[in-house]
Amino acid sequence: MHCPFCRHNDTRVLDSRVAEDGTSIRRRRLCSACEHRFTTLEQMQLVVVKRSGAVEPFSREKVVNGVAKACKGRPVTEGDLAKLGQRVEESLRASGQAEIPAHDVGVAVLGPLSELDPVAYLRFASVYKQYDCVEDFEAEIGRLRASAVTVG
């Protein structure tokens, strides 16, 4: 770890703690050259593996933008979308995997979105699950109604 003050590459860890959110580690460091202290925050880098095999960093904003299209015209606020994005990222991080298949990102969106807005859920699911016919919609609506009965 390079010192941000003198760029020396020999620093010592004085203290390590799990950050408040539980998804990162906070380290207090000391530079052996200039003796300045500084803090680093280490977080697991999530990457998404696309169907093509390409790998790209996970982007909460990309998830939110995709869901926002399904929520267009619905009573869903930007705050609601931000919370959904956070829930999706937290569930992916909780899996303990650093490489997440793109399919799993979509699966992680479906649950929170069905709770947020059933119509937006159907829109998203119709694209994500590649519905081919009206019967696919009917089956999904039946699942939504069944889960609403068990929840309510």
C-alpha atoms as a PDB file:
ATOM      1  CA  MET A   1       0.000   0.000   0.000  1.00  0.00           C
ATOM      2  CA  HIS A   2       1.464   3.332  -1.073  1.00  0.00           C
ATOM      3  CA  CYS A   3       1.418   6.209   1.407  1.00  0.00           C
ATOM      4  CA  PRO A   4      -0.885   8.974   0.072  1.00  0.00           C
ATOM      5  CA  PHE A   5       1.467  11.606   1.515  1.00  0.00           C
ATOM      6  CA  CYS A   6       4.953  10.559   0.367  1.00  0.00           C
ATOM      7  CA  ARG A   7       4.158   7.641  -2.015  1.00  0.00           C
ATOM      8  CA  HIS A   8       6.466   5.322  -0.086  1.00  0.00           C
ATOM      9  CA  ASN A   9       5.337   1.713  -0.551  1.00  0.00           C
ATOM     10  CA  ASP A  10       6.052   0.391   2.939  1.00  0.00           C
ATOM     11  CA  THR A  11       3.113   0.940   5.281  1.00  0.00           C
ATOM     12  CA  ARG A  12       2.118  -0.914   8.400  1.00  0.00           C
ATOM     13  CA  VAL A  13      -1.385  -1.831   9.529  1.00  0.00           C
ATOM     14  CA  LEU A  14      -2.069  -0.511  13.026  1.00  0.00           C
ATOM     15  CA  ASP A  15      -5.695  -1.560  13.359  1.00  0.00           C
ATOM     16  CA  SER A  16      -8.302  -3.472  11.316  1.00  0.00           C
ATOM     17  CA  ARG A  17     -12.047  -3.418  11.875  1.00  0.00           C
ATOM     18  CA  VAL A  18     -15.114  -4.498   9.999  1.00  0.00           C
ATOM     19  CA  ALA A  19     -16.878  -1.354   8.805  1.00  0.00           C
ATOM     20  CA  GLU A  20     -20.360  -0.530  10.062  1.00  0.00           C
ATOM     21  CA  ASP A  21     -22.079  -1.914   6.982  1.00  0.00           C
ATOM     22  CA  GLY A  22     -20.300  -5.257   7.410  1.00  0.00           C
ATOM     23  CA  THR A  23     -19.261  -5.415   3.755  1.00  0.00           C
ATOM     24  CA  SER A  24     -15.841  -3.813   4.066  1.00  0.00           C
ATOM     25  CA  ILE A  25     -12.775  -3.651   6.280  1.00  0.00           C
ATOM     26  CA  ARG A  26     -11.397  -0.397   7.660  1.00  0.00           C
ATOM     27  CA  ARG A  27      -7.639  -0.363   8.234  1.00  0.00           C
ATOM     28  CA  ARG A  28      -5.627   2.289  10.049  1.00  0.00           C
ATOM     29  CA  ARG A  29      -2.108   2.454   8.566  1.00  0.00           C
ATOM     30  CA  LEU A  30       1.231   4.076   9.358  1.00  0.00           C
ATOM     31  CA  CYS A  31       3.842   4.999   6.758  1.00  0.00           C
ATOM     32  CA  SER A  32       7.312   3.830   7.821  1.00  0.00           C
ATOM     33  CA  ALA A  33       8.970   6.671   5.872  1.00  0.00           C
ATOM     34  CA  CYS A  34       7.043   9.855   6.778  1.00  0.00           C
ATOM     35  CA  GLU A  35       5.126   8.411   9.768  1.00  0.00           C
ATOM     36  CA  HIS A  36       1.809   9.850   8.602  1.00  0.00           C
ATOM     37  CA  ARG A  37      -1.279   7.849   9.538  1.00  0.00           C
ATOM     38  CA  PHE A  38      -4.116   7.197   7.120  1.00  0.00           C
ATOM     39  CA  THR A  39      -7.175   5.005   6.758  1.00  0.00           C
ATOM     40  CA  THR A  40      -8.029   2.608   3.962  1.00  0.00           C
ATOM     41  CA  LEU A  41     -11.312   0.901   3.249  1.00  0.00           C
ATOM     42  CA  GLU A  42     -11.171  -2.512   1.604  1.00  0.00           C
ATOM     43  CA  GLN A  43     -14.206  -3.887  -0.147  1.00  0.00           C
ATOM     44  CA  MET A  44     -14.658  -7.046  -2.186  1.00  0.00           C
ATOM     45  CA  GLN A  45     -14.840  -6.179  -5.876  1.00  0.00           C
ATOM     46  CA  LEU A  46     -17.978  -7.692  -7.380  1.00  0.00           C
ATOM     47  CA  VAL A  47     -17.820  -8.539 -11.059  1.00  0.00           C
ATOM     48  CA  VAL A  48     -20.592  -9.709 -13.352  1.00  0.00           C
ATOM     49  CA  VAL A  49     -19.934 -12.520 -15.813  1.00  0.00           C
ATOM     50  CA  LYS A  50     -22.038 -11.990 -18.932  1.00  0.00           C
ATOM     51  CA  ARG A  51     -23.436 -14.828 -21.050  1.00  0.00           C
ATOM     52  CA  SER A  52     -20.737 -14.091 -23.628  1.00  0.00           C
ATOM     53  CA  GLY A  53     -18.068 -14.697 -20.986  1.00  0.00           C
ATOM     54  CA  ALA A  54     -17.151 -11.015 -20.768  1.00  0.00           C
ATOM     55  CA  VAL A  55     -16.552  -9.723 -17.250  1.00  0.00           C
ATOM     56  CA  GLU A  56     -17.416  -6.234 -16.014  1.00  0.00           C
ATOM     57  CA  PRO A  57     -17.565  -4.597 -12.585  1.00  0.00           C
ATOM     58  CA  PHE A  58     -20.942  -4.752 -10.844  1.00  0.00           C
ATOM     59  CA  SER A  59     -22.783  -1.449 -11.161  1.00  0.00           C
ATOM     60  CA  ARG A  60     -25.638  -0.626  -8.826  1.00  0.00           C
ATOM     61  CA  GLU A  61     -26.510   2.257 -11.159  1.00  0.00           C
ATOM     62  CA  LYS A  62     -26.924  -0.159 -14.064  1.00  0.00           C
ATOM     63  CA  VAL A  63     -29.340  -2.249 -11.996  1.00  0.00           C
ATOM     64  CA  VAL A  64     -31.312   0.845 -10.985  1.00  0.00           C
ATOM     65  CA  ASN A  65     -31.446   2.109 -14.589  1.00  0.00           C
ATOM     66  CA  GLY A  66     -32.727  -1.245 -15.821  1.00  0.00           C
ATOM     67  CA  VAL A  67     -35.404  -1.406 -13.150  1.00  0.00           C
ATOM     68  CA  ALA A  68     -36.345   2.246 -13.736  1.00  0.00           C
ATOM     69  CA  LYS A  69     -37.407   1.349 -17.282  1.00  0.00           C
ATOM     70  CA  ALA A  70     -39.828  -1.239 -15.896  1.00  0.00           C
ATOM     71  CA  CYS A  71     -41.102   1.316 -13.360  1.00  0.00           C
ATOM     72  CA  LYS A  72     -41.777   4.060 -15.890  1.00  0.00           C
ATOM     73  CA  GLY A  73     -45.219   5.545 -15.242  1.00  0.00           C
ATOM     74  CA  ARG A  74     -45.549   3.669 -11.948  1.00  0.00           C
ATOM     75  CA  PRO A  75     -45.733   5.237  -8.454  1.00  0.00           C
ATOM     76  CA  VAL A  76     -42.099   4.397  -7.680  1.00  0.00           C
ATOM     77  CA  THR A  77     -39.723   7.096  -6.432  1.00  0.00           C
ATOM     78  CA  GLU A  78     -36.008   7.448  -7.066  1.00  0.00           C
ATOM     79  CA  GLY A  79     -35.531   6.704  -3.371  1.00  0.00           C
ATOM     80  CA  ASP A  80     -37.412   3.427  -3.815  1.00  0.00           C
ATOM     81  CA  LEU A  81     -35.150   2.529  -6.727  1.00  0.00           C
ATOM     82  CA  ALA A  82     -32.033   3.416  -4.734  1.00  0.00           C
ATOM     83  CA  LYS A  83     -33.159   1.146  -1.881  1.00  0.00           C
ATOM     84  CA  LEU A  84     -33.868  -1.655  -4.349  1.00  0.00           C
ATOM     85  CA  GLY A  85     -30.392  -1.247  -5.849  1.00  0.00           C
ATOM     86  CA  GLN A  86     -28.873  -1.406  -2.384  1.00  0.00           C
ATOM     87  CA  ARG A  87     -30.847  -4.548  -1.514  1.00  0.00           C
ATOM     88  CA  VAL A  88     -29.735  -6.232  -4.732  1.00  0.00           C
ATOM     89  CA  GLU A  89     -26.085  -5.378  -4.109  1.00  0.00           C
ATOM     90  CA  GLU A  90     -26.283  -6.528  -0.476  1.00  0.00           C
ATOM     91  CA  SER A  91     -27.822  -9.852  -1.478  1.00  0.00           C
ATOM     92  CA  LEU A  92     -25.125 -10.413  -4.108  1.00  0.00           C
ATOM     93  CA  ARG A  93     -22.355  -9.553  -1.627  1.00  0.00           C
ATOM     94  CA  ALA A  94     -23.947 -11.864   0.950  1.00  0.00           C
ATOM     95  CA  SER A  95     -23.530 -14.746  -1.479  1.00  0.00           C
ATOM     96  CA  GLY A  96     -19.793 -14.536  -0.817  1.00  0.00           C
ATOM     97  CA  GLN A  97     -18.953 -14.849  -4.508  1.00  0.00           C
ATOM     98  CA  ALA A  98     -16.728 -12.289  -6.206  1.00  0.00           C
ATOM     99  CA  GLU A  99     -17.900 -13.320  -9.689  1.00  0.00           C
ATOM    100  CA  ILE A 100     -21.650 -13.206 -10.182  1.00  0.00           C
ATOM    101  CA  PRO A 101     -23.310 -14.624 -13.313  1.00  0.00           C
ATOM    102  CA  ALA A 102     -25.505 -11.990 -15.012  1.00  0.00           C
ATOM    103  CA  HIS A 103     -28.466 -14.335 -14.564  1.00  0.00           C
ATOM    104  CA  ASP A 104     -28.040 -14.157 -10.767  1.00  0.00           C
ATOM    105  CA  VAL A 105     -28.198 -10.361 -10.859  1.00  0.00           C
ATOM    106  CA  GLY A 106     -31.594 -10.588 -12.552  1.00  0.00           C
ATOM    107  CA  VAL A 107     -32.780 -13.150 -10.002  1.00  0.00           C
ATOM    108  CA  ALA A 108     -31.666 -10.825  -7.191  1.00  0.00           C
ATOM    109  CA  VAL A 109     -33.787  -8.020  -8.711  1.00  0.00           C
ATOM    110  CA  LEU A 110     -37.005 -10.042  -9.013  1.00  0.00           C
ATOM    111  CA  GLY A 111     -37.789 -10.460  -5.302  1.00  0.00           C
ATOM    112  CA  PRO A 112     -37.421  -6.839  -4.194  1.00  0.00           C
ATOM    113  CA  LEU A 113     -39.137  -5.595  -7.353  1.00  0.00           C
ATOM    114  CA  SER A 114     -42.181  -7.832  -6.831  1.00  0.00           C
ATOM    115  CA  GLU A 115     -42.535  -6.305  -3.343  1.00  0.00           C
ATOM    116  CA  LEU A 116     -42.065  -2.762  -4.667  1.00  0.00           C
ATOM    117  CA  ASP A 117     -44.496  -2.808  -7.586  1.00  0.00           C
ATOM    118  CA  PRO A 118     -46.159  -5.898  -9.106  1.00  0.00           C
ATOM    119  CA  VAL A 119     -46.769  -4.229 -12.480  1.00  0.00           C
ATOM    120  CA  ALA A 120     -43.128  -3.152 -12.787  1.00  0.00           C
ATOM    121  CA  TYR A 121     -42.181  -6.673 -11.723  1.00  0.00           C
ATOM    122  CA  LEU A 122     -44.236  -8.162 -14.570  1.00  0.00           C
ATOM    123  CA  ARG A 123     -42.640  -5.772 -17.059  1.00  0.00           C
ATOM    124  CA  PHE A 124     -39.138  -6.651 -15.866  1.00  0.00           C
ATOM    125  CA  ALA A 125     -39.873 -10.372 -15.624  1.00  0.00           C
ATOM    126  CA  SER A 126     -41.362 -10.470 -19.118  1.00  0.00           C
ATOM    127  CA  VAL A 127     -38.054  -9.301 -20.575  1.00  0.00           C
ATOM    128  CA  TYR A 128     -35.783 -11.096 -18.112  1.00  0.00           C
ATOM    129  CA  LYS A 129     -37.600 -14.435 -18.338  1.00  0.00           C
ATOM    130  CA  GLN A 130     -38.242 -13.981 -22.077  1.00  0.00           C
ATOM    131  CA  TYR A 131     -41.979 -14.556 -22.078  1.00  0.00           C
ATOM    132  CA  ASP A 132     -43.149 -15.944 -25.413  1.00  0.00           C
ATOM    133  CA  CYS A 133     -46.917 -15.895 -25.020  1.00  0.00           C
ATOM    134  CA  VAL A 134     -49.855 -14.634 -22.988  1.00  0.00           C
ATOM    135  CA  GLU A 135     -49.874 -17.856 -20.974  1.00  0.00           C
ATOM    136  CA  ASP A 136     -46.446 -16.947 -19.578  1.00  0.00           C
ATOM    137  CA  PHE A 137     -47.932 -13.712 -18.216  1.00  0.00           C
ATOM    138  CA  GLU A 138     -50.938 -15.549 -16.809  1.00  0.00           C
ATOM    139  CA  ALA A 139     -48.719 -18.049 -15.017  1.00  0.00           C
ATOM    140  CA  GLU A 140     -46.612 -15.260 -13.525  1.00  0.00           C
ATOM    141  CA  ILE A 141     -49.711 -13.361 -12.397  1.00  0.00           C
ATOM    142  CA  GLY A 142     -50.940 -16.572 -10.776  1.00  0.00           C
ATOM    143  CA  ARG A 143     -47.632 -16.857  -8.861  1.00  0.00           C
ATOM    144  CA  LEU A 144     -47.906 -13.211  -7.770  1.00  0.00           C
ATOM    145  CA  ARG A 145     -51.467 -13.738  -6.538  1.00  0.00           C
ATOM    146  CA  ALA A 146     -50.464 -16.914  -4.682  1.00  0.00           C
ATOM    147  CA  SER A 147     -47.567 -15.160  -2.950  1.00  0.00           C
ATOM    148  CA  ALA A 148     -49.845 -12.197  -2.054  1.00  0.00           C
ATOM    149  CA  VAL A 149     -52.306 -14.601  -0.405  1.00  0.00           C
ATOM    150  CA  THR A 150     -49.576 -16.298   1.633  1.00  0.00           C
ATOM    151  CA  VAL A 151     -48.076 -12.928   2.645  1.00  0.00           C
ATOM    152  CA  GLY A 152     -51.418 -11.226   3.396  1.00  0.00           C
END
